[in-house]
N, C-alpha and C. Protein backbone atom coordinates (compact mmCIF):
# COMPACT_ATOMS: atom_id res chain seq x y z
N MET A 1 42.92 -35.63 -18.73
CA MET A 1 42.27 -35.52 -17.43
C MET A 1 42.03 -36.95 -16.93
N ASN A 2 42.47 -37.21 -15.69
CA ASN A 2 42.28 -38.56 -15.17
C ASN A 2 40.91 -38.70 -14.52
N ASN A 3 40.61 -39.89 -14.09
CA ASN A 3 39.29 -40.24 -13.56
C ASN A 3 38.97 -39.47 -12.27
N ASP A 4 39.95 -39.30 -11.38
CA ASP A 4 39.72 -38.57 -10.12
C ASP A 4 39.42 -37.10 -10.38
N GLN A 5 40.13 -36.48 -11.30
CA GLN A 5 39.88 -35.08 -11.64
C GLN A 5 38.49 -34.91 -12.25
N LEU A 6 38.09 -35.84 -13.06
CA LEU A 6 36.76 -35.80 -13.68
C LEU A 6 35.67 -35.92 -12.62
N LYS A 7 35.86 -36.80 -11.65
CA LYS A 7 34.88 -36.96 -10.56
C LYS A 7 34.78 -35.67 -9.74
N ARG A 8 35.91 -35.06 -9.42
CA ARG A 8 35.91 -33.81 -8.66
C ARG A 8 35.21 -32.70 -9.44
N GLN A 9 35.48 -32.63 -10.72
CA GLN A 9 34.85 -31.63 -11.57
C GLN A 9 33.33 -31.85 -11.62
N ASN A 10 32.90 -33.08 -11.74
CA ASN A 10 31.47 -33.38 -11.77
C ASN A 10 30.80 -33.02 -10.45
N ARG A 11 31.46 -33.31 -9.33
CA ARG A 11 30.90 -32.95 -8.01
C ARG A 11 30.76 -31.44 -7.89
N LEU A 12 31.76 -30.71 -8.36
CA LEU A 12 31.72 -29.26 -8.30
C LEU A 12 30.56 -28.72 -9.13
N VAL A 13 30.38 -29.24 -10.32
CA VAL A 13 29.28 -28.79 -11.19
C VAL A 13 27.93 -29.11 -10.54
N ILE A 14 27.79 -30.28 -9.99
CA ILE A 14 26.53 -30.65 -9.32
C ILE A 14 26.29 -29.76 -8.11
N PHE A 15 27.33 -29.47 -7.35
CA PHE A 15 27.21 -28.58 -6.20
C PHE A 15 26.77 -27.18 -6.64
N LEU A 16 27.39 -26.64 -7.67
CA LEU A 16 27.03 -25.31 -8.15
C LEU A 16 25.59 -25.26 -8.68
N ILE A 17 25.18 -26.29 -9.38
CA ILE A 17 23.79 -26.35 -9.86
C ILE A 17 22.84 -26.39 -8.68
N GLY A 18 23.18 -27.14 -7.65
CA GLY A 18 22.36 -27.20 -6.43
C GLY A 18 22.23 -25.84 -5.77
N ILE A 19 23.33 -25.12 -5.68
CA ILE A 19 23.32 -23.77 -5.09
C ILE A 19 22.42 -22.84 -5.90
N ILE A 20 22.52 -22.91 -7.20
CA ILE A 20 21.70 -22.06 -8.07
C ILE A 20 20.22 -22.40 -7.91
N VAL A 21 19.88 -23.67 -7.82
CA VAL A 21 18.48 -24.09 -7.64
C VAL A 21 17.95 -23.61 -6.30
N VAL A 22 18.71 -23.79 -5.24
CA VAL A 22 18.28 -23.35 -3.91
C VAL A 22 18.11 -21.84 -3.87
N ALA A 23 19.04 -21.10 -4.44
CA ALA A 23 18.94 -19.63 -4.49
C ALA A 23 17.70 -19.20 -5.28
N GLY A 24 17.45 -19.86 -6.39
CA GLY A 24 16.26 -19.54 -7.19
C GLY A 24 14.97 -19.79 -6.44
N LEU A 25 14.91 -20.90 -5.72
CA LEU A 25 13.72 -21.20 -4.92
C LEU A 25 13.54 -20.19 -3.79
N ALA A 26 14.64 -19.78 -3.17
CA ALA A 26 14.56 -18.80 -2.09
C ALA A 26 14.06 -17.45 -2.61
N ILE A 27 14.56 -17.03 -3.76
CA ILE A 27 14.11 -15.77 -4.35
C ILE A 27 12.64 -15.86 -4.72
N HIS A 28 12.22 -16.98 -5.28
CA HIS A 28 10.82 -17.18 -5.64
C HIS A 28 9.93 -17.09 -4.39
N GLN A 29 10.34 -17.73 -3.32
CA GLN A 29 9.57 -17.69 -2.07
C GLN A 29 9.49 -16.26 -1.54
N TYR A 30 10.59 -15.52 -1.59
CA TYR A 30 10.61 -14.14 -1.13
C TYR A 30 9.64 -13.28 -1.93
N PHE A 31 9.64 -13.43 -3.24
CA PHE A 31 8.72 -12.67 -4.08
C PHE A 31 7.27 -13.02 -3.76
N ASN A 32 6.97 -14.30 -3.63
CA ASN A 32 5.60 -14.71 -3.29
C ASN A 32 5.17 -14.13 -1.95
N TYR A 33 6.06 -14.17 -0.96
CA TYR A 33 5.76 -13.61 0.35
C TYR A 33 5.52 -12.10 0.24
N SER A 34 6.33 -11.41 -0.54
CA SER A 34 6.23 -9.96 -0.66
C SER A 34 4.99 -9.49 -1.42
N LEU A 35 4.41 -10.36 -2.22
CA LEU A 35 3.19 -10.00 -2.96
C LEU A 35 1.94 -10.07 -2.09
N LYS A 36 2.05 -10.71 -0.93
CA LYS A 36 0.90 -10.87 -0.04
C LYS A 36 0.62 -9.58 0.72
N PRO A 37 -0.59 -9.45 1.28
CA PRO A 37 -0.94 -8.25 2.05
C PRO A 37 -0.05 -8.10 3.28
N VAL A 38 0.18 -6.85 3.68
CA VAL A 38 0.95 -6.57 4.89
C VAL A 38 0.18 -7.08 6.10
N ASP A 39 -1.13 -6.85 6.13
CA ASP A 39 -1.99 -7.28 7.24
C ASP A 39 -3.32 -7.76 6.67
N PRO A 40 -3.42 -9.07 6.36
CA PRO A 40 -4.61 -9.59 5.69
C PRO A 40 -5.91 -9.41 6.47
N SER A 41 -5.84 -9.31 7.79
CA SER A 41 -7.07 -9.21 8.59
C SER A 41 -7.46 -7.76 8.89
N SER A 42 -6.64 -6.82 8.47
CA SER A 42 -6.89 -5.40 8.77
C SER A 42 -8.03 -4.85 7.92
N ARG A 43 -8.82 -4.00 8.54
CA ARG A 43 -9.86 -3.27 7.81
C ARG A 43 -9.45 -1.81 7.62
N GLN A 44 -8.25 -1.49 8.11
CA GLN A 44 -7.75 -0.12 8.05
C GLN A 44 -7.44 0.29 6.61
N ARG A 45 -7.80 1.53 6.30
CA ARG A 45 -7.48 2.11 5.00
C ARG A 45 -6.51 3.26 5.24
N VAL A 46 -5.58 3.41 4.32
CA VAL A 46 -4.55 4.44 4.42
C VAL A 46 -4.70 5.37 3.23
N THR A 47 -4.64 6.66 3.51
CA THR A 47 -4.70 7.65 2.42
C THR A 47 -3.29 7.90 1.91
N VAL A 48 -3.14 7.73 0.60
CA VAL A 48 -1.84 7.91 -0.05
C VAL A 48 -2.00 8.93 -1.16
N VAL A 49 -1.07 9.86 -1.22
CA VAL A 49 -1.09 10.86 -2.29
C VAL A 49 0.08 10.57 -3.23
N ILE A 50 -0.25 10.33 -4.48
CA ILE A 50 0.77 10.10 -5.51
C ILE A 50 0.90 11.41 -6.29
N PRO A 51 2.06 12.05 -6.21
CA PRO A 51 2.22 13.33 -6.92
C PRO A 51 2.30 13.14 -8.43
N ALA A 52 1.90 14.17 -9.15
CA ALA A 52 2.00 14.13 -10.61
C ALA A 52 3.45 13.97 -11.02
N GLY A 53 3.69 13.12 -11.98
CA GLY A 53 5.03 12.90 -12.50
C GLY A 53 5.88 11.95 -11.65
N ALA A 54 5.28 11.33 -10.65
CA ALA A 54 6.04 10.40 -9.80
C ALA A 54 6.48 9.18 -10.61
N THR A 55 7.72 8.80 -10.43
CA THR A 55 8.24 7.60 -11.10
C THR A 55 7.75 6.36 -10.36
N ASP A 56 7.86 5.21 -11.00
CA ASP A 56 7.49 3.96 -10.35
C ASP A 56 8.33 3.73 -9.10
N HIS A 57 9.59 4.13 -9.16
CA HIS A 57 10.47 4.00 -8.00
C HIS A 57 9.94 4.83 -6.83
N ARG A 58 9.54 6.07 -7.11
CA ARG A 58 8.99 6.95 -6.07
C ARG A 58 7.68 6.39 -5.53
N VAL A 59 6.83 5.88 -6.39
CA VAL A 59 5.55 5.29 -5.95
C VAL A 59 5.81 4.11 -5.02
N ALA A 60 6.77 3.26 -5.38
CA ALA A 60 7.10 2.11 -4.54
C ALA A 60 7.60 2.57 -3.17
N LYS A 61 8.38 3.64 -3.15
CA LYS A 61 8.88 4.18 -1.88
C LYS A 61 7.73 4.71 -1.04
N ILE A 62 6.78 5.41 -1.66
CA ILE A 62 5.61 5.93 -0.95
C ILE A 62 4.80 4.78 -0.35
N MET A 63 4.61 3.73 -1.13
CA MET A 63 3.83 2.58 -0.65
C MET A 63 4.51 1.92 0.54
N LYS A 64 5.82 1.81 0.50
CA LYS A 64 6.57 1.22 1.62
C LYS A 64 6.51 2.12 2.84
N GLU A 65 6.63 3.43 2.65
CA GLU A 65 6.57 4.39 3.76
C GLU A 65 5.22 4.34 4.47
N HIS A 66 4.16 4.03 3.73
CA HIS A 66 2.82 3.94 4.32
C HIS A 66 2.50 2.52 4.80
N HIS A 67 3.49 1.66 4.79
CA HIS A 67 3.35 0.26 5.26
C HIS A 67 2.22 -0.48 4.53
N LEU A 68 2.15 -0.27 3.22
CA LEU A 68 1.15 -0.95 2.40
C LEU A 68 1.74 -2.14 1.64
N VAL A 69 3.06 -2.19 1.55
CA VAL A 69 3.73 -3.30 0.88
C VAL A 69 4.88 -3.79 1.76
N ARG A 70 5.22 -5.05 1.60
CA ARG A 70 6.31 -5.64 2.39
C ARG A 70 7.68 -5.25 1.84
N SER A 71 7.78 -5.11 0.52
CA SER A 71 9.06 -4.82 -0.12
C SER A 71 8.90 -3.75 -1.18
N GLN A 72 9.66 -2.69 -1.02
CA GLN A 72 9.66 -1.61 -2.02
C GLN A 72 10.18 -2.15 -3.35
N PHE A 73 11.21 -2.97 -3.31
CA PHE A 73 11.79 -3.51 -4.54
C PHE A 73 10.79 -4.40 -5.29
N VAL A 74 10.10 -5.27 -4.57
CA VAL A 74 9.15 -6.18 -5.22
C VAL A 74 7.99 -5.38 -5.83
N PHE A 75 7.52 -4.35 -5.12
CA PHE A 75 6.43 -3.53 -5.66
C PHE A 75 6.90 -2.81 -6.93
N TYR A 76 8.10 -2.25 -6.89
CA TYR A 76 8.66 -1.59 -8.07
C TYR A 76 8.78 -2.58 -9.23
N TYR A 77 9.31 -3.74 -8.95
CA TYR A 77 9.48 -4.76 -9.98
C TYR A 77 8.11 -5.17 -10.55
N TYR A 78 7.12 -5.30 -9.67
CA TYR A 78 5.77 -5.67 -10.12
C TYR A 78 5.21 -4.58 -11.05
N LEU A 79 5.39 -3.33 -10.69
CA LEU A 79 4.91 -2.24 -11.56
C LEU A 79 5.60 -2.29 -12.92
N GLN A 80 6.89 -2.58 -12.94
CA GLN A 80 7.63 -2.63 -14.18
C GLN A 80 7.18 -3.77 -15.09
N THR A 81 6.82 -4.89 -14.50
CA THR A 81 6.49 -6.08 -15.29
C THR A 81 5.01 -6.27 -15.55
N HIS A 82 4.15 -5.52 -14.85
CA HIS A 82 2.71 -5.69 -15.01
C HIS A 82 2.01 -4.36 -15.30
N LYS A 83 2.72 -3.46 -15.91
CA LYS A 83 2.16 -2.13 -16.17
C LYS A 83 1.16 -2.21 -17.32
N THR A 84 -0.06 -1.75 -17.04
CA THR A 84 -1.07 -1.70 -18.10
C THR A 84 -1.28 -0.26 -18.56
N HIS A 85 -1.37 0.66 -17.61
CA HIS A 85 -1.62 2.06 -17.97
C HIS A 85 -0.66 3.02 -17.28
N GLY A 86 0.06 2.60 -16.32
CA GLY A 86 0.90 3.50 -15.54
C GLY A 86 0.16 4.01 -14.33
N VAL A 87 0.88 4.35 -13.30
CA VAL A 87 0.29 4.83 -12.06
C VAL A 87 -0.24 6.24 -12.27
N LYS A 88 -1.44 6.49 -11.76
CA LYS A 88 -2.08 7.79 -11.89
C LYS A 88 -1.77 8.65 -10.68
N ALA A 89 -1.67 9.94 -10.88
CA ALA A 89 -1.48 10.86 -9.77
C ALA A 89 -2.82 11.09 -9.10
N GLY A 90 -2.78 11.34 -7.79
CA GLY A 90 -4.00 11.65 -7.07
C GLY A 90 -3.96 11.12 -5.65
N LYS A 91 -5.11 11.15 -5.04
CA LYS A 91 -5.27 10.73 -3.64
C LYS A 91 -6.02 9.40 -3.63
N PHE A 92 -5.44 8.41 -2.97
CA PHE A 92 -6.02 7.07 -2.95
C PHE A 92 -6.26 6.63 -1.51
N ARG A 93 -7.36 5.91 -1.28
CA ARG A 93 -7.64 5.26 0.01
C ARG A 93 -7.41 3.78 -0.23
N LEU A 94 -6.32 3.26 0.33
CA LEU A 94 -5.91 1.89 0.07
C LEU A 94 -5.99 1.03 1.32
N ALA A 95 -6.41 -0.20 1.13
CA ALA A 95 -6.56 -1.14 2.24
C ALA A 95 -5.22 -1.81 2.56
N ARG A 96 -4.93 -1.95 3.85
CA ARG A 96 -3.71 -2.64 4.26
C ARG A 96 -3.83 -4.14 4.01
N SER A 97 -5.05 -4.60 3.73
CA SER A 97 -5.27 -6.02 3.46
C SER A 97 -5.18 -6.36 1.97
N ALA A 98 -4.79 -5.39 1.16
CA ALA A 98 -4.71 -5.61 -0.29
C ALA A 98 -3.36 -6.22 -0.67
N THR A 99 -3.38 -7.06 -1.69
CA THR A 99 -2.16 -7.65 -2.22
C THR A 99 -1.47 -6.64 -3.15
N VAL A 100 -0.24 -6.91 -3.49
CA VAL A 100 0.49 -6.04 -4.42
C VAL A 100 -0.24 -5.93 -5.76
N PRO A 101 -0.72 -7.04 -6.35
CA PRO A 101 -1.46 -6.89 -7.62
C PRO A 101 -2.72 -6.03 -7.48
N GLU A 102 -3.42 -6.15 -6.35
CA GLU A 102 -4.61 -5.33 -6.13
C GLU A 102 -4.24 -3.85 -5.99
N LEU A 103 -3.19 -3.56 -5.23
CA LEU A 103 -2.76 -2.17 -5.05
C LEU A 103 -2.31 -1.57 -6.37
N ALA A 104 -1.53 -2.31 -7.13
CA ALA A 104 -1.06 -1.81 -8.42
C ALA A 104 -2.23 -1.53 -9.35
N GLY A 105 -3.23 -2.41 -9.33
CA GLY A 105 -4.41 -2.22 -10.17
C GLY A 105 -5.17 -0.95 -9.81
N VAL A 106 -5.33 -0.69 -8.52
CA VAL A 106 -6.03 0.52 -8.09
C VAL A 106 -5.26 1.77 -8.49
N LEU A 107 -3.96 1.74 -8.32
CA LEU A 107 -3.14 2.91 -8.66
C LEU A 107 -3.11 3.20 -10.15
N GLN A 108 -3.46 2.23 -10.97
CA GLN A 108 -3.43 2.42 -12.42
C GLN A 108 -4.79 2.78 -13.00
N GLN A 109 -5.82 2.85 -12.15
CA GLN A 109 -7.16 3.18 -12.64
C GLN A 109 -7.44 4.67 -12.47
N ASN A 110 -7.95 5.29 -13.50
CA ASN A 110 -8.31 6.71 -13.44
C ASN A 110 -9.38 7.00 -12.41
N ARG A 111 -10.38 6.17 -12.34
CA ARG A 111 -11.52 6.44 -11.47
C ARG A 111 -11.20 6.31 -10.00
N ALA A 112 -10.11 5.67 -9.64
CA ALA A 112 -9.77 5.49 -8.24
C ALA A 112 -9.12 6.72 -7.63
N ALA A 113 -8.56 7.54 -8.45
CA ALA A 113 -7.86 8.73 -7.93
C ALA A 113 -8.82 9.91 -7.81
N GLU A 114 -8.72 10.62 -6.70
CA GLU A 114 -9.46 11.85 -6.52
C GLU A 114 -8.53 12.97 -6.96
N LYS A 115 -8.93 13.73 -7.92
CA LYS A 115 -8.09 14.82 -8.41
C LYS A 115 -7.97 15.90 -7.32
N ARG A 116 -6.75 16.38 -7.16
CA ARG A 116 -6.52 17.39 -6.14
C ARG A 116 -6.60 18.77 -6.71
């Protein structure tokens, strides 16, 4: 391999590393943005019913349908990676100003759910 080929190869590797770093930072920013409240200044509460036997995927879809989370995928991922007890079935009154960690915590507490 001559010197010019080596320089081109090094530039390509540096370029690819740069792309990977930028993509990683963009994904990190997206996740941080998605963990924030949908409406931090809202005092509105939304009633959400989580059916018995609902999967984390279904719960994330319900939360997105009620406009309580910015991203269904991020909420699902958060439930998968921060599960302490699992989401409880029941009726919940949730604040639109709550963060994803706060919402997930409420959904995993027995005392927060009103049995139907």
